[in-house]
C-alpha atoms as a PDB file:
ATOM      1  CA  MET A   1     144.095  86.414 163.686  1.00  0.00           C
ATOM      2  CA  THR A   2     147.068  86.904 161.302  1.00  0.00           C
ATOM      3  CA  ALA A   3     148.943  89.949 159.836  1.00  0.00           C
ATOM      4  CA  ARG A   4     148.947  90.927 156.113  1.00  0.00           C
ATOM      5  CA  THR A   5     151.801  89.233 153.985  1.00  0.00           C
ATOM      6  CA  THR A   6     153.577  91.473 151.306  1.00  0.00           C
ATOM      7  CA  ALA A   7     155.469  90.343 148.259  1.00  0.00           C
ATOM      8  CA  TYR A   8     158.737  90.602 150.113  1.00  0.00           C
ATOM      9  CA  ASN A   9     157.436  88.395 153.043  1.00  0.00           C
ATOM     10  CA  ARG A  10     156.643  85.895 150.404  1.00  0.00           C
ATOM     11  CA  LEU A  11     160.046  86.104 148.721  1.00  0.00           C
ATOM     12  CA  ALA A  12     161.796  85.931 152.208  1.00  0.00           C
ATOM     13  CA  ASP A  13     159.763  82.856 153.134  1.00  0.00           C
ATOM     14  CA  THR A  14     160.746  81.112 149.897  1.00  0.00           C
ATOM     15  CA  LEU A  15     164.558  82.058 150.320  1.00  0.00           C
ATOM     16  CA  ARG A  16     164.488  80.963 153.891  1.00  0.00           C
ATOM     17  CA  HIS A  17     163.067  77.646 153.011  1.00  0.00           C
ATOM     18  CA  ARG A  18     165.938  77.301 150.597  1.00  0.00           C
ATOM     19  CA  ILE A  19     168.362  77.955 153.045  1.00  0.00           C
ATOM     20  CA  LEU A  20     166.982  76.037 155.904  1.00  0.00           C
ATOM     21  CA  GLY A  21     166.231  73.101 153.509  1.00  0.00           C
ATOM     22  CA  GLY A  22     169.840  72.843 152.644  1.00  0.00           C
ATOM     23  CA  GLN A  23     169.431  74.077 148.913  1.00  0.00           C
ATOM     24  CA  TRP A  24     172.016  76.712 149.710  1.00  0.00           C
ATOM     25  CA  GLN A  25     174.692  75.486 152.210  1.00  0.00           C
ATOM     26  CA  ALA A  26     176.344  77.370 155.062  1.00  0.00           C
ATOM     27  CA  GLY A  27     178.799  79.874 153.851  1.00  0.00           C
ATOM     28  CA  GLN A  28     177.631  79.588 150.152  1.00  0.00           C
ATOM     29  CA  GLN A  29     176.933  82.820 148.137  1.00  0.00           C
ATOM     30  CA  LEU A  30     173.494  83.522 147.044  1.00  0.00           C
ATOM     31  CA  PRO A  31     172.527  84.604 143.399  1.00  0.00           C
ATOM     32  CA  THR A  32     172.948  88.469 142.966  1.00  0.00           C
ATOM     33  CA  GLU A  33     169.932  90.585 143.342  1.00  0.00           C
ATOM     34  CA  GLN A  34     169.618  90.883 139.668  1.00  0.00           C
ATOM     35  CA  ALA A  35     169.565  87.023 139.275  1.00  0.00           C
ATOM     36  CA  LEU A  36     166.946  86.883 142.234  1.00  0.00           C
ATOM     37  CA  CYS A  37     164.685  89.702 140.477  1.00  0.00           C
ATOM     38  CA  GLU A  38     164.750  87.488 137.344  1.00  0.00           C
ATOM     39  CA  THR A  39     164.334  83.996 139.110  1.00  0.00           C
ATOM     40  CA  PHE A  40     161.266  85.075 140.907  1.00  0.00           C
ATOM     41  CA  SER A  41     159.982  87.851 138.743  1.00  0.00           C
ATOM     42  CA  ALA A  42     160.392  90.438 141.626  1.00  0.00           C
ATOM     43  CA  SER A  43     161.511  94.076 141.823  1.00  0.00           C
ATOM     44  CA  ARG A  44     165.004  95.100 143.158  1.00  0.00           C
ATOM     45  CA  ILE A  45     163.148  96.448 146.159  1.00  0.00           C
ATOM     46  CA  THR A  46     161.306  93.554 147.028  1.00  0.00           C
ATOM     47  CA  VAL A  47     164.447  91.400 146.830  1.00  0.00           C
ATOM     48  CA  ARG A  48     166.331  94.049 149.044  1.00  0.00           C
ATOM     49  CA  ARG A  49     163.858  93.911 151.662  1.00  0.00           C
ATOM     50  CA  ALA A  50     163.544  90.038 151.664  1.00  0.00           C
ATOM     51  CA  LEU A  51     167.325  89.858 152.059  1.00  0.00           C
ATOM     52  CA  GLN A  52     167.195  92.254 154.825  1.00  0.00           C
ATOM     53  CA  ILE A  53     164.677  90.261 156.704  1.00  0.00           C
ATOM     54  CA  LEU A  54     166.993  87.180 156.213  1.00  0.00           C
ATOM     55  CA  GLU A  55     169.777  89.255 157.603  1.00  0.00           C
ATOM     56  CA  GLU A  56     167.964  90.343 160.648  1.00  0.00           C
ATOM     57  CA  GLU A  57     167.277  86.604 161.295  1.00  0.00           C
ATOM     58  CA  LEU A  58     171.066  85.963 161.052  1.00  0.00           C
ATOM     59  CA  LEU A  59     170.219  83.686 158.124  1.00  0.00           C
ATOM     60  CA  VAL A  60     172.414  85.517 155.855  1.00  0.00           C
ATOM     61  CA  ARG A  61     175.439  87.894 155.807  1.00  0.00           C
ATOM     62  CA  ARG A  62     175.601  90.701 153.347  1.00  0.00           C
ATOM     63  CA  ARG A  63     179.099  91.993 152.366  1.00  0.00           C
ATOM     64  CA  GLN A  64     179.446  95.195 150.681  1.00  0.00           C
ATOM     65  CA  GLY A  65     180.912  94.769 147.358  1.00  0.00           C
ATOM     66  CA  SER A  66     180.886  90.727 147.454  1.00  0.00           C
ATOM     67  CA  GLY A  67     177.192  89.764 147.817  1.00  0.00           C
ATOM     68  CA  THR A  68     175.148  87.971 150.119  1.00  0.00           C
ATOM     69  CA  PHE A  69     176.206  84.542 151.809  1.00  0.00           C
ATOM     70  CA  VAL A  70     174.481  81.908 153.850  1.00  0.00           C
ATOM     71  CA  SER A  71     175.564  82.411 157.687  1.00  0.00           C
ATOM     72  CA  PRO A  72     178.164  79.479 158.911  1.00  0.00           C
ATOM     73  CA  THR A  73     175.176  78.155 161.147  1.00  0.00           C
ATOM     74  CA  PRO A  74     171.823  79.326 159.703  1.00  0.00           C
ATOM     75  CA  THR A  75     169.054  78.829 162.327  1.00  0.00           C
ATOM     76  CA  ARG A  76     166.364  80.861 162.260  1.00  0.00           C
ATOM     77  CA  LYS A  77     164.974  82.954 165.081  1.00  0.00           C
ATOM     78  CA  ILE A  78     162.669  85.724 165.061  1.00  0.00           C
ATOM     79  CA  PRO A  79     163.940  89.064 166.289  1.00  0.00           C
ATOM     80  CA  ILE A  80     161.726  91.294 168.094  1.00  0.00           C
ATOM     81  CA  LEU A  81     163.319  94.501 166.954  1.00  0.00           C
ATOM     82  CA  ASN A  82     163.254  97.281 169.941  1.00  0.00           C
ATOM     83  CA  THR A  83     160.355  95.474 171.872  1.00  0.00           C
ATOM     84  CA  ASP A  84     157.938  95.941 168.952  1.00  0.00           C
ATOM     85  CA  TYR A  85     156.366  92.572 168.778  1.00  0.00           C
ATOM     86  CA  PHE A  86     153.551  93.431 166.510  1.00  0.00           C
ATOM     87  CA  GLY A  87     155.714  95.146 163.994  1.00  0.00           C
ATOM     88  CA  SER A  88     158.542  92.377 164.270  1.00  0.00           C
ATOM     89  CA  ILE A  89     155.787  89.815 163.522  1.00  0.00           C
ATOM     90  CA  VAL A  90     154.336  91.456 160.596  1.00  0.00           C
ATOM     91  CA  ARG A  91     157.844  91.653 159.156  1.00  0.00           C
ATOM     92  CA  HIS A  92     159.159  88.186 160.064  1.00  0.00           C
ATOM     93  CA  ALA A  93     156.207  85.943 160.486  1.00  0.00           C
ATOM     94  CA  PRO A  94     153.274  87.405 159.252  1.00  0.00           C
ATOM     95  CA  ASP A  95     151.524  83.838 159.156  1.00  0.00           C
ATOM     96  CA  LEU A  96     151.734  83.753 162.766  1.00  0.00           C
ATOM     97  CA  GLN A  97     148.203  83.317 164.421  1.00  0.00           C
ATOM     98  CA  ARG A  98     147.018  84.156 167.887  1.00  0.00           C
ATOM     99  CA  ARG A  99     144.167  82.413 169.775  1.00  0.00           C
ATOM    100  CA  ILE A 100     142.601  82.900 173.135  1.00  0.00           C
ATOM    101  CA  GLU A 101     143.112  80.009 175.512  1.00  0.00           C
ATOM    102  CA  LYS A 102     140.938  81.820 178.178  1.00  0.00           C
ATOM    103  CA  SER A 103     139.244  85.023 179.291  1.00  0.00           C
ATOM    104  CA  ASP A 104     137.611  85.847 182.359  1.00  0.00           C
ATOM    105  CA  TRP A 105     137.301  88.206 185.267  1.00  0.00           C
ATOM    106  CA  VAL A 106     139.120  87.651 188.316  1.00  0.00           C
ATOM    107  CA  GLN A 107     139.903  89.387 191.607  1.00  0.00           C
ATOM    108  CA  ALA A 108     143.037  91.119 191.985  1.00  0.00           C
ATOM    109  CA  ASP A 109     145.388  89.464 194.460  1.00  0.00           C
ATOM    110  CA  ASP A 110     147.980  91.694 196.433  1.00  0.00           C
ATOM    111  CA  ASN A 111     150.592  91.246 193.817  1.00  0.00           C
ATOM    112  CA  PHE A 112     148.331  92.624 190.937  1.00  0.00           C
ATOM    113  CA  ALA A 113     146.846  95.034 193.130  1.00  0.00           C
ATOM    114  CA  GLU A 114     150.150  96.814 193.542  1.00  0.00           C
ATOM    115  CA  GLN A 115     151.043  96.333 190.240  1.00  0.00           C
ATOM    116  CA  LEU A 116     148.126  97.797 188.813  1.00  0.00           C
ATOM    117  CA  ASP A 117     147.259 100.558 191.458  1.00  0.00           C
ATOM    118  CA  VAL A 118     143.898  98.927 192.337  1.00  0.00           C
ATOM    119  CA  LEU A 119     142.502  97.508 195.536  1.00  0.00           C
ATOM    120  CA  PRO A 120     142.778  93.771 196.450  1.00  0.00           C
ATOM    121  CA  GLY A 121     139.577  92.274 195.495  1.00  0.00           C
ATOM    122  CA  ASP A 122     138.895  94.679 192.518  1.00  0.00           C
ATOM    123  CA  GLN A 123     138.020  93.103 189.268  1.00  0.00           C
ATOM    124  CA  LEU A 124     140.635  92.504 186.535  1.00  0.00           C
ATOM    125  CA  LEU A 125     140.151  90.957 183.044  1.00  0.00           C
ATOM    126  CA  HIS A 126     142.474  88.245 182.756  1.00  0.00           C
ATOM    127  CA  THR A 127     143.387  86.700 179.374  1.00  0.00           C
ATOM    128  CA  MET A 128     145.791  84.102 178.388  1.00  0.00           C
ATOM    129  CA  ARG A 129     146.664  84.052 174.703  1.00  0.00           C
ATOM    130  CA  VAL A 130     148.908  81.497 172.590  1.00  0.00           C
ATOM    131  CA  ASP A 131     150.680  82.621 169.267  1.00  0.00           C
ATOM    132  CA  GLU A 132     151.204  79.644 166.792  1.00  0.00           C
ATOM    133  CA  LEU A 133     153.514  79.579 163.664  1.00  0.00           C
ATOM    134  CA  ARG A 134     152.237  77.016 161.244  1.00  0.00           C
ATOM    135  CA  GLY A 135     150.518  75.233 163.835  1.00  0.00           C
ATOM    136  CA  GLU A 136     153.368  75.166 166.308  1.00  0.00           C
ATOM    137  CA  PRO A 137     152.929  77.279 169.472  1.00  0.00           C
ATOM    138  CA  VAL A 138     156.001  79.467 169.906  1.00  0.00           C
ATOM    139  CA  ALA A 139     154.762  82.288 172.131  1.00  0.00           C
ATOM    140  CA  GLY A 140     152.092  83.267 174.581  1.00  0.00           C
ATOM    141  CA  ASP A 141     151.166  85.845 177.175  1.00  0.00           C
ATOM    142  CA  GLU A 142     148.798  86.550 180.251  1.00  0.00           C
ATOM    143  CA  LEU A 143     147.058  89.976 180.013  1.00  0.00           C
ATOM    144  CA  TRP A 144     145.442  91.832 183.175  1.00  0.00           C
ATOM    145  CA  LEU A 145     143.377  94.876 182.488  1.00  0.00           C
ATOM    146  CA  PRO A 146     141.618  96.858 185.255  1.00  0.00           C
ATOM    147  CA  GLU A 147     137.873  96.719 184.901  1.00  0.00           C
ATOM    148  CA  ARG A 148     137.684 100.669 184.215  1.00  0.00           C
ATOM    149  CA  PHE A 149     140.020  99.998 181.034  1.00  0.00           C
ATOM    150  CA  ALA A 150     138.284  96.856 179.823  1.00  0.00           C
ATOM    151  CA  SER A 151     134.698  97.640 179.677  1.00  0.00           C
ATOM    152  CA  LEU A 152     134.485  97.662 175.982  1.00  0.00           C
ATOM    153  CA  VAL A 153     137.006  95.076 175.227  1.00  0.00           C
ATOM    154  CA  THR A 154     135.866  91.799 173.264  1.00  0.00           C
ATOM    155  CA  GLU A 155     137.626  88.434 172.550  1.00  0.00           C
ATOM    156  CA  ASP A 156     138.126  89.613 168.904  1.00  0.00           C
ATOM    157  CA  HIS A 157     140.081  92.599 170.249  1.00  0.00           C
ATOM    158  CA  LEU A 158     142.172  90.579 172.571  1.00  0.00           C
ATOM    159  CA  ALA A 159     142.775  87.947 169.646  1.00  0.00           C
ATOM    160  CA  GLY A 160     144.474  90.799 167.476  1.00  0.00           C
ATOM    161  CA  LEU A 161     148.129  91.081 166.970  1.00  0.00           C
ATOM    162  CA  ASP A 162     147.602  94.784 166.996  1.00  0.00           C
ATOM    163  CA  PHE A 163     145.721  94.789 170.242  1.00  0.00           C
ATOM    164  CA  LEU A 164     147.318  97.710 171.983  1.00  0.00           C
ATOM    165  CA  ASP A 165     146.304  99.978 169.147  1.00  0.00           C
ATOM    166  CA  HIS A 166     142.782  98.777 169.122  1.00  0.00           C
ATOM    167  CA  TRP A 167     142.551  98.765 172.892  1.00  0.00           C
ATOM    168  CA  GLN A 168     143.502 102.512 173.249  1.00  0.00           C
ATOM    169  CA  ALA A 169     140.956 103.441 170.401  1.00  0.00           C
ATOM    170  CA  ILE A 170     137.773 101.650 171.851  1.00  0.00           C
ATOM    171  CA  GLN A 171     138.484 102.682 175.468  1.00  0.00           C
ATOM    172  CA  ASN A 172     139.740 106.298 174.622  1.00  0.00           C
ATOM    173  CA  ILE A 173     142.937 105.988 176.541  1.00  0.00           C
ATOM    174  CA  THR A 174     146.358 106.961 175.361  1.00  0.00           C
ATOM    175  CA  LEU A 175     149.484 104.903 176.546  1.00  0.00           C
ATOM    176  CA  GLU A 176     152.316 107.177 177.501  1.00  0.00           C
ATOM    177  CA  TYR A 177     155.129 104.728 178.448  1.00  0.00           C
ATOM    178  CA  GLY A 178     155.825 101.269 179.869  1.00  0.00           C
ATOM    179  CA  THR A 179     158.302  99.401 182.282  1.00  0.00           C
ATOM    180  CA  GLN A 180     159.966  96.220 180.755  1.00  0.00           C
ATOM    181  CA  THR A 181     161.924  93.467 182.257  1.00  0.00           C
ATOM    182  CA  ILE A 182     163.165  90.490 180.272  1.00  0.00           C
ATOM    183  CA  GLU A 183     164.567  87.545 181.759  1.00  0.00           C
ATOM    184  CA  ALA A 184     165.346  83.775 181.119  1.00  0.00           C
ATOM    185  CA  ALA A 185     162.919  81.682 183.039  1.00  0.00           C
ATOM    186  CA  ARG A 186     162.254  77.960 183.354  1.00  0.00           C
ATOM    187  CA  ALA A 187     159.002  76.504 181.887  1.00  0.00           C
ATOM    188  CA  ARG A 188     156.368  75.731 184.378  1.00  0.00           C
ATOM    189  CA  ALA A 189     152.622  74.645 183.824  1.00  0.00           C
ATOM    190  CA  PRO A 190     150.384  75.745 182.367  1.00  0.00           C
ATOM    191  CA  TRP A 191     152.913  76.860 179.874  1.00  0.00           C
ATOM    192  CA  THR A 192     154.717  73.737 179.240  1.00  0.00           C
ATOM    193  CA  GLY A 193     151.282  72.248 177.762  1.00  0.00           C
ATOM    194  CA  LEU A 194     150.491  75.561 176.036  1.00  0.00           C
ATOM    195  CA  LEU A 195     153.811  76.112 174.338  1.00  0.00           C
ATOM    196  CA  ASN A 196     154.473  72.290 173.790  1.00  0.00           C
ATOM    197  CA  VAL A 197     157.752  72.412 176.028  1.00  0.00           C
ATOM    198  CA  ARG A 198     159.158  70.453 178.804  1.00  0.00           C
ATOM    199  CA  SER A 199     159.169  71.291 182.280  1.00  0.00           C
ATOM    200  CA  GLY A 200     162.384  73.243 183.243  1.00  0.00           C
ATOM    201  CA  ASP A 201     162.866  73.977 179.527  1.00  0.00           C
ATOM    202  CA  PRO A 202     164.361  77.740 179.038  1.00  0.00           C
ATOM    203  CA  LEU A 203     161.791  80.320 178.007  1.00  0.00           C
ATOM    204  CA  LEU A 204     162.310  84.348 177.707  1.00  0.00           C
ATOM    205  CA  ARG A 205     159.889  85.957 180.042  1.00  0.00           C
ATOM    206  CA  GLU A 206     158.961  89.553 179.429  1.00  0.00           C
ATOM    207  CA  THR A 207     157.143  91.603 181.974  1.00  0.00           C
ATOM    208  CA  ASN A 208     155.383  94.844 181.011  1.00  0.00           C
ATOM    209  CA  ILE A 209     153.597  97.513 182.990  1.00  0.00           C
ATOM    210  CA  LEU A 210     151.806 100.086 180.702  1.00  0.00           C
ATOM    211  CA  TYR A 211     151.021 103.515 181.784  1.00  0.00           C
ATOM    212  CA  LEU A 212     148.638 106.259 180.682  1.00  0.00           C
ATOM    213  CA  THR A 213     149.579 109.889 179.985  1.00  0.00           C
ATOM    214  CA  SER A 214     147.910 110.565 183.322  1.00  0.00           C
ATOM    215  CA  GLY A 215     150.331 108.316 184.923  1.00  0.00           C
ATOM    216  CA  GLN A 216     147.736 105.778 185.676  1.00  0.00           C
ATOM    217  CA  ARG A 217     148.720 101.898 185.353  1.00  0.00           C
ATOM    218  CA  ALA A 218     146.398 100.534 182.688  1.00  0.00           C
ATOM    219  CA  ALA A 219     147.707  97.017 182.082  1.00  0.00           C
ATOM    220  CA  ALA A 220     150.218  94.252 183.210  1.00  0.00           C
ATOM    221  CA  ILE A 221     151.566  91.871 180.440  1.00  0.00           C
ATOM    222  CA  VAL A 222     153.478  88.718 180.988  1.00  0.00           C
ATOM    223  CA  SER A 223     154.957  87.257 177.876  1.00  0.00           C
ATOM    224  CA  TYR A 224     156.670  83.947 177.283  1.00  0.00           C
ATOM    225  CA  TYR A 225     158.659  83.290 174.236  1.00  0.00           C
ATOM    226  CA  ARG A 226     160.308  79.938 173.153  1.00  0.00           C
ATOM    227  CA  HIS A 227     164.174  80.403 173.022  1.00  0.00           C
ATOM    228  CA  ASP A 228     164.374  78.288 169.975  1.00  0.00           C
ATOM    229  CA  TYR A 229     161.926  80.651 168.041  1.00  0.00           C
ATOM    230  CA  PHE A 230     162.649  84.199 169.345  1.00  0.00           C
ATOM    231  CA  ARG A 231     165.256  86.454 170.322  1.00  0.00           C
ATOM    232  CA  PHE A 232     165.357  90.258 171.451  1.00  0.00           C
ATOM    233  CA  ASP A 233     167.373  92.826 169.520  1.00  0.00           C
ATOM    234  CA  ALA A 234     167.550  96.311 170.734  1.00  0.00           C
ATOM    235  CA  THR A 235     169.412  99.266 169.659  1.00  0.00           C
ATOM    236  CA  ILE A 236     170.268 102.155 171.985  1.00  0.00           C
ATOM    237  CA  SER A 237     172.196 105.108 171.817  1.00  0.00           C
ATOM    238  CA  ILE A 238     175.246 105.596 174.116  1.00  0.00           C
ATOM    239  CA  ARG A 239     176.243 108.954 172.735  1.00  0.00           C
ATOM    240  CA  PRO A 240     174.395 110.641 169.859  1.00  0.00           C
ATOM    241  CA  GLY A 241     175.575 109.093 166.748  1.00  0.00           C
ATOM    242  CA  GLU A 242     176.906 105.945 168.277  1.00  0.00           C
ATOM    243  CA  PRO A 243     174.235 103.316 168.407  1.00  0.00           C
ATOM    244  CA  VAL A 244     174.932 100.008 170.230  1.00  0.00           C
ATOM    245  CA  ALA A 245     172.883  96.650 169.324  1.00  0.00           C
ATOM    246  CA  LEU A 246     171.964  94.559 172.176  1.00  0.00           C
ATOM    247  CA  GLN A 247     170.582  90.726 172.007  1.00  0.00           C
ATOM    248  CA  SER A 248     168.849  88.932 174.583  1.00  0.00           C
ATOM    249  CA  GLU A 249     168.060  85.106 174.285  1.00  0.00           C
ATOM    250  CA  ALA A 250     167.296  82.473 176.929  1.00  0.00           C
ATOM    251  CA  ALA A 251     170.301  80.312 178.179  1.00  0.00           C
ATOM    252  CA  HIS A 252     170.496  76.742 177.164  1.00  0.00           C
ATOM    253  CA  GLY A 253     170.703  73.940 179.869  1.00  0.00           C
END
């Protein structure tokens, strides 16, 4: 399942290919917004949104009063902004597709029984999903749902990039918050094969436990991201009016 593309998504993709293809060199100034509007028959709003997408991907730098320039080392990485995977994909990679690798019922082991506040041996819906960008696997996750929160879930729901929204609606539940851990990890089977990486290659691993308004634990999700395609960006407020931007990437080597 893919997200819907927009005019600014398509323009950003065209400009991105020109940069990564070397048509615009590192440090080179891009044409003005007006020139881009005329070249691509696009509105000023479309051009500005497309350039903002490329800036978030660190492909260009925009200087007030001077223009837009290709970054010194332009390499695309999809930014996951403030842990919003679906929103970030809609904005930066709407052509990404998700497929179900496997989905079946399993018995909770001691680890997931504790994480999801169920009894060992209780039924969990376990799903493995892989996200592909133009045929290349770039991310994947494992999802565990207690039986009482998965009775109406189908594979079509699970394959949706906006699964969490649909899941709450069909199960008549409301998520309140989640705990999250992001860390560098080494690729191991089965993810070496699923993500087309070598054993020991660096990945970004994100672990989420999702809670309902009642405080019940409703889901556990462990996601794996290829470091060469993704980075995590977050803005937090240390003091009111003083946002601080954070980035997280898997280490090389």
